[in-house]
C-alpha cells in the first residue's frame, strides 16, 4: 500500500468499550478525555510526518527499491 511509518507517537493500540454492549460502546470515547488527547497527539504526529515527507526531510529507507512483483 505504500504506507510510511510516522513513528511511535502515531500509533494507538487499545480496545475501547470492549466489555460493554455494542450499543453503549459508542458512547465510551465521548467520555474518555485522555483517549481523545492521545488521538489528537497521533493526528499531530501524522501531520508533522506529512510535512516532512513533502519537504523531502522524512526518512523513507525503501524509497529507491523496485517492487519485484508490481501489481
PDB file of N, CA and C in Angstrom:
ATOM      1  N   UNK A   1       0.808  -1.190   0.000  1.00  0.00           N
ATOM      2  CA  UNK A   1       0.000   0.000   0.000  1.00  0.00           C
ATOM      3  C   UNK A   1       0.853   1.257   0.000  1.00  0.00           C
ATOM      4  N   UNK A   2       2.126   1.134   0.280  1.00  0.00           N
ATOM      5  CA  UNK A   2       2.978   2.309   0.280  1.00  0.00           C
ATOM      6  C   UNK A   2       2.874   3.147   1.542  1.00  0.00           C
ATOM      7  N   UNK A   3       2.487   2.529   2.634  1.00  0.00           N
ATOM      8  CA  UNK A   3       2.363   3.268   3.884  1.00  0.00           C
ATOM      9  C   UNK A   3       3.735   3.605   4.440  1.00  0.00           C
ATOM     10  N   UNK A   4       3.862   4.771   5.036  1.00  0.00           N
ATOM     11  CA  UNK A   4       5.111   5.213   5.627  1.00  0.00           C
ATOM     12  C   UNK A   4       4.872   5.411   7.117  1.00  0.00           C
ATOM     13  N   UNK A   5       5.753   4.844   7.931  1.00  0.00           N
ATOM     14  CA  UNK A   5       5.628   4.942   9.380  1.00  0.00           C
ATOM     15  C   UNK A   5       5.898   6.365   9.836  1.00  0.00           C
ATOM     16  N   UNK A   6       5.005   6.913  10.624  1.00  0.00           N
ATOM     17  CA  UNK A   6       5.179   8.269  11.154  1.00  0.00           C
ATOM     18  C   UNK A   6       5.767   8.245  12.555  1.00  0.00           C
ATOM     19  N   UNK A   7       6.263   7.101  12.990  1.00  0.00           N
ATOM     20  CA  UNK A   7       6.896   6.996  14.298  1.00  0.00           C
ATOM     21  C   UNK A   7       5.968   6.450  15.369  1.00  0.00           C
ATOM     22  N   UNK A   8       6.558   6.128  16.503  1.00  0.00           N
ATOM     23  CA  UNK A   8       5.801   5.538  17.612  1.00  0.00           C
ATOM     24  C   UNK A   8       4.669   6.428  18.114  1.00  0.00           C
ATOM     25  N   UNK A   9       4.841   7.774  18.140  1.00  0.00           N
ATOM     26  CA  UNK A   9       3.732   8.598  18.632  1.00  0.00           C
ATOM     27  C   UNK A   9       2.502   8.580  17.731  1.00  0.00           C
ATOM     28  N   UNK A  10       2.616   7.993  16.551  1.00  0.00           N
ATOM     29  CA  UNK A  10       1.489   7.990  15.621  1.00  0.00           C
ATOM     30  C   UNK A  10       0.653   6.718  15.734  1.00  0.00           C
ATOM     31  N   UNK A  11       0.874   5.946  16.776  1.00  0.00           N
ATOM     32  CA  UNK A  11       0.169   4.676  16.912  1.00  0.00           C
ATOM     33  C   UNK A  11      -0.609   4.631  18.218  1.00  0.00           C
ATOM     34  N   UNK A  12      -1.817   4.076  18.137  1.00  0.00           N
ATOM     35  CA  UNK A  12      -2.632   3.853  19.319  1.00  0.00           C
ATOM     36  C   UNK A  12      -3.178   2.440  19.222  1.00  0.00           C
ATOM     37  N   UNK A  13      -2.922   1.656  20.230  1.00  0.00           N
ATOM     38  CA  UNK A  13      -3.341   0.264  20.208  1.00  0.00           C
ATOM     39  C   UNK A  13      -4.076  -0.047  21.500  1.00  0.00           C
ATOM     40  N   UNK A  14      -5.385  -0.038  21.418  1.00  0.00           N
ATOM     41  CA  UNK A  14      -6.155  -0.362  22.607  1.00  0.00           C
ATOM     42  C   UNK A  14      -7.597  -0.654  22.212  1.00  0.00           C
ATOM     43  N   UNK A  15      -8.268  -1.357  23.089  1.00  0.00           N
ATOM     44  CA  UNK A  15      -9.689  -1.615  22.915  1.00  0.00           C
ATOM     45  C   UNK A  15     -10.463  -0.594  23.720  1.00  0.00           C
ATOM     46  N   UNK A  16     -11.477  -0.029  23.130  1.00  0.00           N
ATOM     47  CA  UNK A  16     -12.300   0.971  23.810  1.00  0.00           C
ATOM     48  C   UNK A  16     -13.718   0.419  23.896  1.00  0.00           C
ATOM     49  N   UNK A  17     -14.224   0.329  25.104  1.00  0.00           N
ATOM     50  CA  UNK A  17     -15.572  -0.191  25.289  1.00  0.00           C
ATOM     51  C   UNK A  17     -15.692  -1.653  24.945  1.00  0.00           C
ATOM     52  N   UNK A  18     -14.610  -2.407  25.098  1.00  0.00           N
ATOM     53  CA  UNK A  18     -14.578  -3.800  24.670  1.00  0.00           C
ATOM     54  C   UNK A  18     -15.559  -4.678  25.439  1.00  0.00           C
ATOM     55  N   UNK A  19     -15.707  -4.429  26.732  1.00  0.00           N
ATOM     56  CA  UNK A  19     -16.570  -5.281  27.536  1.00  0.00           C
ATOM     57  C   UNK A  19     -17.989  -4.731  27.666  1.00  0.00           C
ATOM     58  N   UNK A  20     -18.267  -3.666  26.973  1.00  0.00           N
ATOM     59  CA  UNK A  20     -19.611  -3.098  27.031  1.00  0.00           C
ATOM     60  C   UNK A  20     -20.448  -3.631  25.876  1.00  0.00           C
ATOM     61  N   UNK A  21     -21.734  -3.399  25.972  1.00  0.00           N
ATOM     62  CA  UNK A  21     -22.601  -3.797  24.871  1.00  0.00           C
ATOM     63  C   UNK A  21     -22.269  -2.944  23.641  1.00  0.00           C
ATOM     64  N   UNK A  22     -22.556  -3.450  22.484  1.00  0.00           N
ATOM     65  CA  UNK A  22     -22.249  -2.721  21.251  1.00  0.00           C
ATOM     66  C   UNK A  22     -22.937  -1.356  21.234  1.00  0.00           C
ATOM     67  N   UNK A  23     -24.173  -1.303  21.680  1.00  0.00           N
ATOM     68  CA  UNK A  23     -24.924  -0.044  21.666  1.00  0.00           C
ATOM     69  C   UNK A  23     -24.285   0.997  22.576  1.00  0.00           C
ATOM     70  N   UNK A  24     -23.768   0.592  23.721  1.00  0.00           N
ATOM     71  CA  UNK A  24     -23.177   1.533  24.680  1.00  0.00           C
ATOM     72  C   UNK A  24     -21.722   1.852  24.343  1.00  0.00           C
ATOM     73  N   UNK A  25     -21.044   0.992  23.580  1.00  0.00           N
ATOM     74  CA  UNK A  25     -19.620   1.177  23.321  1.00  0.00           C
ATOM     75  C   UNK A  25     -19.337   2.436  22.495  1.00  0.00           C
ATOM     76  N   UNK A  26     -20.318   2.938  21.793  1.00  0.00           N
ATOM     77  CA  UNK A  26     -20.116   4.156  21.001  1.00  0.00           C
ATOM     78  C   UNK A  26     -20.073   5.413  21.863  1.00  0.00           C
ATOM     79  N   UNK A  27     -20.598   5.318  23.070  1.00  0.00           N
ATOM     80  CA  UNK A  27     -20.587   6.465  23.970  1.00  0.00           C
ATOM     81  C   UNK A  27     -19.286   6.569  24.757  1.00  0.00           C
ATOM     82  N   UNK A  28     -18.579   5.483  24.911  1.00  0.00           N
ATOM     83  CA  UNK A  28     -17.359   5.459  25.715  1.00  0.00           C
ATOM     84  C   UNK A  28     -16.320   6.472  25.246  1.00  0.00           C
ATOM     85  N   UNK A  29     -15.990   6.565  23.954  1.00  0.00           N
ATOM     86  CA  UNK A  29     -14.976   7.540  23.529  1.00  0.00           C
ATOM     87  C   UNK A  29     -15.381   8.991  23.792  1.00  0.00           C
ATOM     88  N   UNK A  30     -16.667   9.261  23.826  1.00  0.00           N
ATOM     89  CA  UNK A  30     -17.127  10.629  24.094  1.00  0.00           C
ATOM     90  C   UNK A  30     -16.777  11.084  25.499  1.00  0.00           C
ATOM     91  N   UNK A  31     -16.640  10.138  26.412  1.00  0.00           N
ATOM     92  CA  UNK A  31     -16.381  10.471  27.806  1.00  0.00           C
ATOM     93  C   UNK A  31     -14.931  10.245  28.223  1.00  0.00           C
ATOM     94  N   UNK A  32     -14.134   9.633  27.378  1.00  0.00           N
ATOM     95  CA  UNK A  32     -12.741   9.329  27.705  1.00  0.00           C
ATOM     96  C   UNK A  32     -11.846  10.455  27.167  1.00  0.00           C
ATOM     97  N   UNK A  33     -11.671  11.494  27.974  1.00  0.00           N
ATOM     98  CA  UNK A  33     -10.921  12.678  27.533  1.00  0.00           C
ATOM     99  C   UNK A  33      -9.434  12.396  27.363  1.00  0.00           C
ATOM    100  N   UNK A  34      -8.878  11.496  28.151  1.00  0.00           N
ATOM    101  CA  UNK A  34      -7.464  11.137  27.994  1.00  0.00           C
ATOM    102  C   UNK A  34      -7.231  10.482  26.632  1.00  0.00           C
ATOM    103  N   UNK A  35      -8.147   9.598  26.227  1.00  0.00           N
ATOM    104  CA  UNK A  35      -8.026   8.947  24.925  1.00  0.00           C
ATOM    105  C   UNK A  35      -8.174   9.963  23.800  1.00  0.00           C
ATOM    106  N   UNK A  36      -9.038  10.943  23.973  1.00  0.00           N
ATOM    107  CA  UNK A  36      -9.212  11.982  22.960  1.00  0.00           C
ATOM    108  C   UNK A  36      -7.919  12.782  22.794  1.00  0.00           C
ATOM    109  N   UNK A  37      -7.208  13.042  23.881  1.00  0.00           N
ATOM    110  CA  UNK A  37      -5.930  13.748  23.795  1.00  0.00           C
ATOM    111  C   UNK A  37      -4.888  12.890  23.078  1.00  0.00           C
ATOM    112  N   UNK A  38      -4.906  11.577  23.332  1.00  0.00           N
ATOM    113  CA  UNK A  38      -3.994  10.676  22.636  1.00  0.00           C
ATOM    114  C   UNK A  38      -4.253  10.711  21.129  1.00  0.00           C
ATOM    115  N   UNK A  39      -5.513  10.719  20.743  1.00  0.00           N
ATOM    116  CA  UNK A  39      -5.867  10.767  19.322  1.00  0.00           C
ATOM    117  C   UNK A  39      -5.395  12.082  18.698  1.00  0.00           C
ATOM    118  N   UNK A  40      -5.510  13.188  19.429  1.00  0.00           N
ATOM    119  CA  UNK A  40      -5.005  14.470  18.925  1.00  0.00           C
ATOM    120  C   UNK A  40      -3.497  14.426  18.733  1.00  0.00           C
ATOM    121  N   UNK A  41      -2.788  13.791  19.675  1.00  0.00           N
ATOM    122  CA  UNK A  41      -1.338  13.655  19.548  1.00  0.00           C
ATOM    123  C   UNK A  41      -0.969  12.826  18.318  1.00  0.00           C
ATOM    124  N   UNK A  42      -1.733  11.776  18.078  1.00  0.00           N
ATOM    125  CA  UNK A  42      -1.481  10.929  16.911  1.00  0.00           C
ATOM    126  C   UNK A  42      -1.706  11.721  15.629  1.00  0.00           C
ATOM    127  N   UNK A  43      -2.787  12.480  15.584  1.00  0.00           N
ATOM    128  CA  UNK A  43      -3.069  13.293  14.400  1.00  0.00           C
ATOM    129  C   UNK A  43      -1.955  14.303  14.155  1.00  0.00           C
ATOM    130  N   UNK A  44      -1.436  14.903  15.217  1.00  0.00           N
ATOM    131  CA  UNK A  44      -0.329  15.849  15.073  1.00  0.00           C
ATOM    132  C   UNK A  44       0.937  15.163  14.578  1.00  0.00           C
ATOM    133  N   UNK A  45       1.230  13.967  15.078  1.00  0.00           N
ATOM    134  CA  UNK A  45       2.412  13.233  14.634  1.00  0.00           C
ATOM    135  C   UNK A  45       2.315  12.891  13.149  1.00  0.00           C
ATOM    136  N   UNK A  46       1.145  12.457  12.717  1.00  0.00           N
ATOM    137  CA  UNK A  46       0.947  12.125  11.301  1.00  0.00           C
ATOM    138  C   UNK A  46       1.047  13.385  10.442  1.00  0.00           C
ATOM    139  N   UNK A  47       0.468  14.480  10.902  1.00  0.00           N
ATOM    140  CA  UNK A  47       0.540  15.736  10.148  1.00  0.00           C
ATOM    141  C   UNK A  47       1.983  16.217  10.015  1.00  0.00           C
ATOM    142  N   UNK A  48       2.763  16.110  11.082  1.00  0.00           N
ATOM    143  CA  UNK A  48       4.169  16.515  11.010  1.00  0.00           C
ATOM    144  C   UNK A  48       4.954  15.625  10.049  1.00  0.00           C
ATOM    145  N   UNK A  49       4.631  14.322  10.047  1.00  0.00           N
ATOM    146  CA  UNK A  49       5.306  13.412   9.124  1.00  0.00           C
ATOM    147  C   UNK A  49       4.966  13.758   7.678  1.00  0.00           C
ATOM    148  N   UNK A  50       3.739  14.157   7.408  1.00  0.00           N
ATOM    149  CA  UNK A  50       3.346  14.546   6.048  1.00  0.00           C
ATOM    150  C   UNK A  50       4.117  15.787   5.613  1.00  0.00           C
ATOM    151  N   UNK A  51       4.253  16.759   6.513  1.00  0.00           N
ATOM    152  CA  UNK A  51       5.006  17.970   6.188  1.00  0.00           C
ATOM    153  C   UNK A  51       6.460  17.613   5.881  1.00  0.00           C
ATOM    154  N   UNK A  52       7.063  16.738   6.705  1.00  0.00           N
ATOM    155  CA  UNK A  52       8.446  16.324   6.466  1.00  0.00           C
ATOM    156  C   UNK A  52       8.578  15.534   5.171  1.00  0.00           C
ATOM    157  N   UNK A  53       7.611  14.693   4.873  1.00  0.00           N
ATOM    158  CA  UNK A  53       7.649  13.911   3.640  1.00  0.00           C
ATOM    159  C   UNK A  53       7.569  14.815   2.422  1.00  0.00           C
ATOM    160  N   UNK A  54       6.683  15.786   2.455  1.00  0.00           N
ATOM    161  CA  UNK A  54       6.548  16.704   1.326  1.00  0.00           C
ATOM    162  C   UNK A  54       7.781  17.580   1.157  1.00  0.00           C
ATOM    163  N   UNK A  55       8.499  17.830   2.243  1.00  0.00           N
ATOM    164  CA  UNK A  55       9.726  18.620   2.170  1.00  0.00           C
ATOM    165  C   UNK A  55      10.967  17.763   1.981  1.00  0.00           C
ATOM    166  N   UNK A  56      10.789  16.469   1.683  1.00  0.00           N
ATOM    167  CA  UNK A  56      11.891  15.517   1.499  1.00  0.00           C
ATOM    168  C   UNK A  56      12.811  15.455   2.711  1.00  0.00           C
ATOM    169  N   UNK A  57      12.268  15.612   3.903  1.00  0.00           N
ATOM    170  CA  UNK A  57      13.057  15.521   5.123  1.00  0.00           C
ATOM    171  C   UNK A  57      12.745  14.265   5.922  1.00  0.00           C
ATOM    172  N   UNK A  58      11.684  13.537   5.565  1.00  0.00           N
ATOM    173  CA  UNK A  58      11.312  12.319   6.276  1.00  0.00           C
ATOM    174  C   UNK A  58      12.081  11.148   5.689  1.00  0.00           C
ATOM    175  N   UNK A  59      12.704  10.369   6.541  1.00  0.00           N
ATOM    176  CA  UNK A  59      13.466   9.216   6.080  1.00  0.00           C
ATOM    177  C   UNK A  59      12.517   8.114   5.619  1.00  0.00           C
ATOM    178  N   UNK A  60      12.655   7.732   4.370  1.00  0.00           N
ATOM    179  CA  UNK A  60      11.897   6.625   3.797  1.00  0.00           C
ATOM    180  C   UNK A  60      12.933   5.641   3.261  1.00  0.00           C
ATOM    181  N   UNK A  61      13.390   4.703   4.099  1.00  0.00           N
ATOM    182  CA  UNK A  61      14.519   3.856   3.741  1.00  0.00           C
ATOM    183  C   UNK A  61      14.348   3.044   2.459  1.00  0.00           C
ATOM    184  N   UNK A  62      13.146   2.682   2.103  1.00  0.00           N
ATOM    185  CA  UNK A  62      12.956   1.821   0.928  1.00  0.00           C
ATOM    186  C   UNK A  62      12.472   2.582  -0.305  1.00  0.00           C
ATOM    187  N   UNK A  63      12.608   3.891  -0.328  1.00  0.00           N
ATOM    188  CA  UNK A  63      12.030   4.663  -1.431  1.00  0.00           C
ATOM    189  C   UNK A  63      12.671   4.370  -2.784  1.00  0.00           C
ATOM    190  N   UNK A  64      13.907   3.892  -2.834  1.00  0.00           N
ATOM    191  CA  UNK A  64      14.575   3.626  -4.111  1.00  0.00           C
ATOM    192  C   UNK A  64      14.512   2.169  -4.533  1.00  0.00           C
ATOM    193  N   UNK A  65      13.857   1.319  -3.754  1.00  0.00           N
ATOM    194  CA  UNK A  65      13.753  -0.088  -4.105  1.00  0.00           C
ATOM    195  C   UNK A  65      12.620  -0.311  -5.105  1.00  0.00           C
ATOM    196  N   UNK A  66      12.838  -1.231  -6.024  1.00  0.00           N
ATOM    197  CA  UNK A  66      11.812  -1.594  -7.001  1.00  0.00           C
ATOM    198  C   UNK A  66      11.048  -2.806  -6.479  1.00  0.00           C
ATOM    199  N   UNK A  67       9.749  -2.815  -6.704  1.00  0.00           N
ATOM    200  CA  UNK A  67       8.950  -3.973  -6.312  1.00  0.00           C
ATOM    201  C   UNK A  67       9.229  -5.128  -7.256  1.00  0.00           C
ATOM    202  N   UNK A  68       9.553  -6.313  -6.733  1.00  0.00           N
ATOM    203  CA  UNK A  68       9.845  -7.437  -7.608  1.00  0.00           C
ATOM    204  C   UNK A  68       8.601  -7.959  -8.351  1.00  0.00           C
ATOM    205  N   UNK A  69       7.440  -7.783  -7.765  1.00  0.00           N
ATOM    206  CA  UNK A  69       6.199  -8.239  -8.383  1.00  0.00           C
ATOM    207  C   UNK A  69       5.194  -7.097  -8.368  1.00  0.00           C
ATOM    208  N   UNK A  70       5.352  -6.112  -9.275  1.00  0.00           N
ATOM    209  CA  UNK A  70       4.423  -4.988  -9.281  1.00  0.00           C
ATOM    210  C   UNK A  70       2.998  -5.452  -9.593  1.00  0.00           C
ATOM    211  N   UNK A  71       2.057  -4.746  -9.029  1.00  0.00           N
ATOM    212  CA  UNK A  71       0.647  -5.122  -9.228  1.00  0.00           C
ATOM    213  C   UNK A  71       0.120  -4.512 -10.490  1.00  0.00           C
TER     214      UNK A  71
END
